[in-house]
Amino acid sequence: MTVPLEDGMVHWPGDPECRIFRHFKLGQDDKPCNLTKVEMSAHTATHMDAMCHFVPGGIGMDEMPLEATIGPCRVISMTHVEDQIMPKDLEGLDLRKGERIIFKTRNTERSWDM
């Protein structure tokens, strides 16, 4: 279901690369803890798109009620879609207002080893 985050992993063309590195190491230079720094685009790996990403005036993830993102969901295969999911791809799916949907895309089968 999810793609593991890895330093330098595949990312959307034009987005910043994913960078993961140890910022502090416990005991080194008197550091009291380990601390990992992660730098990546919000569209790296498995993610949720906020409405504001593709709908003018749509809400951001920070405005979405948490209960809207947690609970039972319907998984819809979109593995036939070549590039990006478009409105025409959703026709005939009987989508219901407030329903949680996970789209299974071609990326599910893709090798993430680069």
N, C-alpha and C. Protein backbone atom coordinates (compact mmCIF):
# COMPACT_ATOMS: atom_id res chain seq x y z
N MET A 1 0.81 -1.19 0.00
CA MET A 1 0.00 0.00 0.00
C MET A 1 0.86 1.26 0.00
N THR A 2 1.94 1.23 0.74
CA THR A 2 2.79 2.41 0.79
C THR A 2 4.18 2.09 0.23
N VAL A 3 4.79 3.11 -0.28
CA VAL A 3 6.15 3.01 -0.81
C VAL A 3 7.10 3.49 0.28
N PRO A 4 8.12 2.71 0.62
CA PRO A 4 9.06 3.15 1.67
C PRO A 4 9.82 4.41 1.24
N LEU A 5 10.02 5.30 2.19
CA LEU A 5 10.83 6.49 1.93
C LEU A 5 12.29 6.10 1.97
N GLU A 6 13.03 6.51 0.95
CA GLU A 6 14.46 6.23 0.90
C GLU A 6 15.19 7.43 0.33
N ASP A 7 16.38 7.67 0.80
CA ASP A 7 17.20 8.76 0.29
C ASP A 7 17.38 8.60 -1.21
N GLY A 8 17.07 9.65 -1.97
CA GLY A 8 17.26 9.63 -3.42
C GLY A 8 16.22 8.86 -4.19
N MET A 9 15.13 8.46 -3.56
CA MET A 9 14.12 7.64 -4.23
C MET A 9 13.51 8.36 -5.43
N VAL A 10 12.85 7.58 -6.28
CA VAL A 10 12.20 8.13 -7.45
C VAL A 10 11.17 9.17 -7.01
N HIS A 11 11.04 10.22 -7.82
CA HIS A 11 10.11 11.30 -7.50
C HIS A 11 9.52 11.86 -8.79
N TRP A 12 8.47 12.63 -8.65
CA TRP A 12 7.82 13.23 -9.81
C TRP A 12 8.81 14.15 -10.52
N PRO A 13 8.88 14.08 -11.86
CA PRO A 13 9.81 14.94 -12.60
C PRO A 13 9.60 16.42 -12.26
N GLY A 14 10.69 17.08 -11.93
CA GLY A 14 10.64 18.50 -11.58
C GLY A 14 10.49 18.76 -10.09
N ASP A 15 10.04 17.76 -9.32
CA ASP A 15 9.94 17.91 -7.87
C ASP A 15 11.33 17.75 -7.25
N PRO A 16 11.54 18.30 -6.05
CA PRO A 16 12.83 18.10 -5.39
C PRO A 16 13.04 16.64 -5.02
N GLU A 17 14.29 16.22 -5.03
CA GLU A 17 14.62 14.84 -4.63
C GLU A 17 14.35 14.64 -3.15
N CYS A 18 14.09 13.40 -2.79
CA CYS A 18 13.93 13.03 -1.38
C CYS A 18 15.32 12.86 -0.77
N ARG A 19 15.56 13.57 0.31
CA ARG A 19 16.84 13.48 1.02
C ARG A 19 16.58 13.13 2.47
N ILE A 20 17.20 12.06 2.93
CA ILE A 20 17.06 11.61 4.32
C ILE A 20 18.46 11.41 4.87
N PHE A 21 18.77 12.09 5.96
CA PHE A 21 20.10 11.91 6.54
C PHE A 21 20.07 12.14 8.05
N ARG A 22 21.06 11.57 8.72
CA ARG A 22 21.21 11.71 10.16
C ARG A 22 21.74 13.11 10.44
N HIS A 23 20.94 13.90 11.14
CA HIS A 23 21.32 15.27 11.48
C HIS A 23 22.13 15.29 12.78
N PHE A 24 21.67 14.53 13.76
CA PHE A 24 22.41 14.34 15.02
C PHE A 24 22.56 12.85 15.25
N LYS A 25 23.66 12.46 15.89
CA LYS A 25 23.85 11.06 16.29
C LYS A 25 24.04 11.03 17.80
N LEU A 26 23.25 10.19 18.44
CA LEU A 26 23.29 10.06 19.89
C LEU A 26 24.72 9.83 20.37
N GLY A 27 25.17 10.66 21.29
CA GLY A 27 26.50 10.50 21.88
C GLY A 27 27.62 11.18 21.11
N GLN A 28 27.39 11.53 19.85
CA GLN A 28 28.42 12.19 19.06
C GLN A 28 28.33 13.70 19.31
N ASP A 29 29.45 14.33 19.62
CA ASP A 29 29.48 15.77 19.93
C ASP A 29 28.48 16.12 21.03
N ASP A 30 28.36 15.24 22.01
CA ASP A 30 27.45 15.45 23.15
C ASP A 30 25.98 15.58 22.77
N LYS A 31 25.58 15.03 21.65
CA LYS A 31 24.17 15.09 21.24
C LYS A 31 23.36 14.13 22.12
N PRO A 32 22.23 14.60 22.66
CA PRO A 32 21.43 13.78 23.58
C PRO A 32 20.47 12.81 22.88
N CYS A 33 20.44 12.85 21.54
CA CYS A 33 19.49 11.99 20.83
C CYS A 33 19.92 11.81 19.37
N ASN A 34 19.29 10.86 18.70
CA ASN A 34 19.40 10.74 17.25
C ASN A 34 18.34 11.64 16.64
N LEU A 35 18.67 12.29 15.55
CA LEU A 35 17.72 13.16 14.86
C LEU A 35 17.93 13.00 13.36
N THR A 36 16.89 12.60 12.67
CA THR A 36 16.96 12.41 11.22
C THR A 36 16.27 13.58 10.54
N LYS A 37 16.88 14.09 9.50
CA LYS A 37 16.30 15.19 8.72
C LYS A 37 15.77 14.61 7.42
N VAL A 38 14.52 14.96 7.08
CA VAL A 38 13.88 14.50 5.85
C VAL A 38 13.49 15.72 5.04
N GLU A 39 13.91 15.76 3.78
CA GLU A 39 13.53 16.82 2.85
C GLU A 39 12.88 16.16 1.65
N MET A 40 11.64 16.58 1.32
CA MET A 40 10.96 15.99 0.17
C MET A 40 9.76 16.84 -0.22
N SER A 41 9.27 16.60 -1.41
CA SER A 41 8.04 17.22 -1.88
C SER A 41 6.86 16.54 -1.20
N ALA A 42 5.76 17.24 -1.09
CA ALA A 42 4.53 16.65 -0.53
C ALA A 42 3.98 15.56 -1.44
N HIS A 43 4.51 15.44 -2.65
CA HIS A 43 4.04 14.44 -3.60
C HIS A 43 5.01 13.27 -3.75
N THR A 44 5.89 13.11 -2.78
CA THR A 44 6.83 12.00 -2.79
C THR A 44 6.16 10.76 -2.21
N ALA A 45 6.36 9.63 -2.87
CA ALA A 45 5.87 8.33 -2.38
C ALA A 45 4.35 8.33 -2.25
N THR A 46 3.84 7.49 -1.36
CA THR A 46 2.40 7.39 -1.14
C THR A 46 1.94 8.64 -0.40
N HIS A 47 0.91 9.30 -0.94
CA HIS A 47 0.46 10.55 -0.34
C HIS A 47 -1.00 10.82 -0.66
N MET A 48 -1.56 11.79 0.03
CA MET A 48 -2.91 12.27 -0.25
C MET A 48 -2.80 13.64 -0.89
N ASP A 49 -3.58 13.86 -1.94
CA ASP A 49 -3.65 15.19 -2.54
C ASP A 49 -4.79 15.97 -1.90
N ALA A 50 -4.51 17.18 -1.49
CA ALA A 50 -5.55 18.06 -0.97
C ALA A 50 -6.37 18.60 -2.14
N MET A 51 -7.60 18.98 -1.87
CA MET A 51 -8.45 19.54 -2.92
C MET A 51 -7.80 20.76 -3.56
N CYS A 52 -7.10 21.58 -2.77
CA CYS A 52 -6.49 22.79 -3.32
C CYS A 52 -5.40 22.48 -4.34
N HIS A 53 -4.95 21.23 -4.40
CA HIS A 53 -3.92 20.86 -5.37
C HIS A 53 -4.46 20.88 -6.80
N PHE A 54 -5.76 20.57 -6.96
CA PHE A 54 -6.31 20.49 -8.31
C PHE A 54 -7.68 21.13 -8.47
N VAL A 55 -8.24 21.72 -7.41
CA VAL A 55 -9.53 22.40 -7.50
C VAL A 55 -9.35 23.84 -7.01
N PRO A 56 -9.56 24.84 -7.88
CA PRO A 56 -9.43 26.23 -7.44
C PRO A 56 -10.36 26.51 -6.25
N GLY A 57 -9.80 27.07 -5.19
CA GLY A 57 -10.57 27.37 -3.99
C GLY A 57 -10.79 26.17 -3.08
N GLY A 58 -10.21 25.01 -3.44
CA GLY A 58 -10.35 23.81 -2.61
C GLY A 58 -9.59 23.95 -1.31
N ILE A 59 -9.95 23.12 -0.33
CA ILE A 59 -9.29 23.20 0.98
C ILE A 59 -7.96 22.46 0.98
N GLY A 60 -7.10 22.86 1.91
CA GLY A 60 -5.82 22.19 2.10
C GLY A 60 -5.94 21.06 3.11
N MET A 61 -4.92 20.24 3.21
CA MET A 61 -4.93 19.13 4.16
C MET A 61 -5.09 19.63 5.60
N ASP A 62 -4.57 20.82 5.89
CA ASP A 62 -4.67 21.36 7.24
C ASP A 62 -6.10 21.76 7.59
N GLU A 63 -6.97 21.89 6.60
CA GLU A 63 -8.37 22.25 6.84
C GLU A 63 -9.31 21.05 6.80
N MET A 64 -8.80 19.90 6.36
CA MET A 64 -9.64 18.71 6.23
C MET A 64 -9.85 18.07 7.60
N PRO A 65 -11.10 17.75 7.95
CA PRO A 65 -11.34 17.07 9.23
C PRO A 65 -10.61 15.73 9.27
N LEU A 66 -9.96 15.43 10.38
CA LEU A 66 -9.19 14.20 10.51
C LEU A 66 -10.07 12.97 10.26
N GLU A 67 -11.31 13.00 10.73
CA GLU A 67 -12.20 11.85 10.55
C GLU A 67 -12.52 11.58 9.08
N ALA A 68 -12.30 12.56 8.22
CA ALA A 68 -12.51 12.34 6.78
C ALA A 68 -11.41 11.46 6.19
N THR A 69 -10.29 11.34 6.88
CA THR A 69 -9.15 10.60 6.34
C THR A 69 -8.94 9.24 7.00
N ILE A 70 -9.71 8.94 8.05
CA ILE A 70 -9.52 7.70 8.79
C ILE A 70 -10.82 6.90 8.79
N GLY A 71 -10.73 5.63 8.40
CA GLY A 71 -11.90 4.76 8.43
C GLY A 71 -11.97 3.89 7.20
N PRO A 72 -13.07 3.17 7.04
CA PRO A 72 -13.23 2.29 5.88
C PRO A 72 -13.15 3.09 4.58
N CYS A 73 -12.66 2.42 3.55
CA CYS A 73 -12.54 3.10 2.26
C CYS A 73 -12.79 2.10 1.13
N ARG A 74 -12.94 2.64 -0.06
CA ARG A 74 -13.08 1.81 -1.25
C ARG A 74 -11.81 1.97 -2.08
N VAL A 75 -11.24 0.86 -2.51
CA VAL A 75 -10.06 0.88 -3.38
C VAL A 75 -10.55 0.69 -4.81
N ILE A 76 -10.17 1.64 -5.67
CA ILE A 76 -10.58 1.61 -7.07
C ILE A 76 -9.34 1.46 -7.94
N SER A 77 -9.34 0.45 -8.78
CA SER A 77 -8.20 0.24 -9.67
C SER A 77 -8.19 1.29 -10.78
N MET A 78 -7.08 1.95 -10.92
CA MET A 78 -6.84 2.90 -12.01
C MET A 78 -5.57 2.48 -12.76
N THR A 79 -5.27 1.18 -12.72
CA THR A 79 -4.05 0.69 -13.36
C THR A 79 -4.11 0.78 -14.88
N HIS A 80 -5.29 1.02 -15.43
CA HIS A 80 -5.42 1.19 -16.88
C HIS A 80 -5.06 2.60 -17.33
N VAL A 81 -4.97 3.54 -16.40
CA VAL A 81 -4.68 4.94 -16.73
C VAL A 81 -3.19 5.08 -17.00
N GLU A 82 -2.85 5.62 -18.16
CA GLU A 82 -1.45 5.74 -18.59
C GLU A 82 -0.68 6.81 -17.82
N ASP A 83 -1.29 7.99 -17.63
CA ASP A 83 -0.54 9.12 -17.08
C ASP A 83 -1.15 9.61 -15.77
N GLN A 84 -2.15 10.46 -15.85
CA GLN A 84 -2.78 10.97 -14.64
C GLN A 84 -4.29 10.73 -14.68
N ILE A 85 -4.89 10.56 -13.53
CA ILE A 85 -6.32 10.32 -13.43
C ILE A 85 -7.05 11.62 -13.77
N MET A 86 -7.95 11.52 -14.73
CA MET A 86 -8.72 12.68 -15.19
C MET A 86 -10.21 12.44 -14.89
N PRO A 87 -11.03 13.51 -14.92
CA PRO A 87 -12.47 13.35 -14.65
C PRO A 87 -13.13 12.25 -15.48
N LYS A 88 -12.72 12.09 -16.73
CA LYS A 88 -13.33 11.05 -17.59
C LYS A 88 -13.08 9.65 -17.04
N ASP A 89 -11.97 9.48 -16.30
CA ASP A 89 -11.65 8.17 -15.71
C ASP A 89 -12.57 7.82 -14.54
N LEU A 90 -13.25 8.82 -14.00
CA LEU A 90 -14.12 8.62 -12.84
C LEU A 90 -15.58 8.38 -13.23
N GLU A 91 -15.88 8.55 -14.52
CA GLU A 91 -17.26 8.38 -14.98
C GLU A 91 -17.72 6.94 -14.75
N GLY A 92 -18.95 6.80 -14.27
CA GLY A 92 -19.54 5.49 -14.07
C GLY A 92 -19.10 4.77 -12.80
N LEU A 93 -18.39 5.44 -11.91
CA LEU A 93 -17.88 4.79 -10.69
C LEU A 93 -18.83 4.89 -9.50
N ASP A 94 -19.93 5.62 -9.63
CA ASP A 94 -20.90 5.78 -8.54
C ASP A 94 -20.20 6.26 -7.27
N LEU A 95 -19.45 7.36 -7.39
CA LEU A 95 -18.76 7.94 -6.24
C LEU A 95 -19.79 8.64 -5.36
N ARG A 96 -19.68 8.46 -4.05
CA ARG A 96 -20.62 9.06 -3.11
C ARG A 96 -19.94 10.16 -2.30
N LYS A 97 -20.67 11.24 -2.07
CA LYS A 97 -20.14 12.37 -1.30
C LYS A 97 -19.63 11.89 0.05
N GLY A 98 -18.43 12.29 0.40
CA GLY A 98 -17.84 11.93 1.68
C GLY A 98 -17.19 10.55 1.73
N GLU A 99 -17.30 9.79 0.64
CA GLU A 99 -16.71 8.45 0.60
C GLU A 99 -15.19 8.54 0.55
N ARG A 100 -14.52 7.68 1.30
CA ARG A 100 -13.05 7.61 1.25
C ARG A 100 -12.67 6.70 0.10
N ILE A 101 -11.78 7.19 -0.76
CA ILE A 101 -11.35 6.44 -1.94
C ILE A 101 -9.83 6.35 -1.96
N ILE A 102 -9.32 5.18 -2.27
CA ILE A 102 -7.90 5.01 -2.57
C ILE A 102 -7.83 4.53 -4.01
N PHE A 103 -7.05 5.24 -4.83
CA PHE A 103 -6.87 4.83 -6.21
C PHE A 103 -5.61 3.98 -6.31
N LYS A 104 -5.78 2.76 -6.80
CA LYS A 104 -4.63 1.89 -7.07
C LYS A 104 -4.17 2.22 -8.48
N THR A 105 -2.97 2.79 -8.59
CA THR A 105 -2.46 3.21 -9.89
C THR A 105 -1.39 2.25 -10.39
N ARG A 106 -0.89 2.54 -11.56
CA ARG A 106 0.19 1.73 -12.14
C ARG A 106 1.44 1.76 -11.26
N ASN A 107 1.58 2.78 -10.45
CA ASN A 107 2.74 2.89 -9.56
C ASN A 107 2.78 1.76 -8.54
N THR A 108 1.63 1.13 -8.27
CA THR A 108 1.58 0.01 -7.33
C THR A 108 2.50 -1.12 -7.79
N GLU A 109 2.51 -1.37 -9.09
CA GLU A 109 3.29 -2.47 -9.66
C GLU A 109 4.70 -2.05 -10.06
N ARG A 110 4.95 -0.77 -10.03
CA ARG A 110 6.22 -0.23 -10.50
C ARG A 110 7.37 -0.58 -9.56
N SER A 111 8.51 -0.84 -10.14
CA SER A 111 9.70 -1.06 -9.32
C SER A 111 10.22 0.30 -8.87
N TRP A 112 10.39 0.46 -7.58
CA TRP A 112 10.86 1.73 -7.05
C TRP A 112 12.37 1.74 -6.88
N ASP A 113 13.03 0.67 -7.33
CA ASP A 113 14.49 0.65 -7.29
C ASP A 113 15.02 1.43 -8.48
N MET A 114 15.88 2.36 -8.24
CA MET A 114 16.44 3.17 -9.34
C MET A 114 17.93 2.90 -9.46
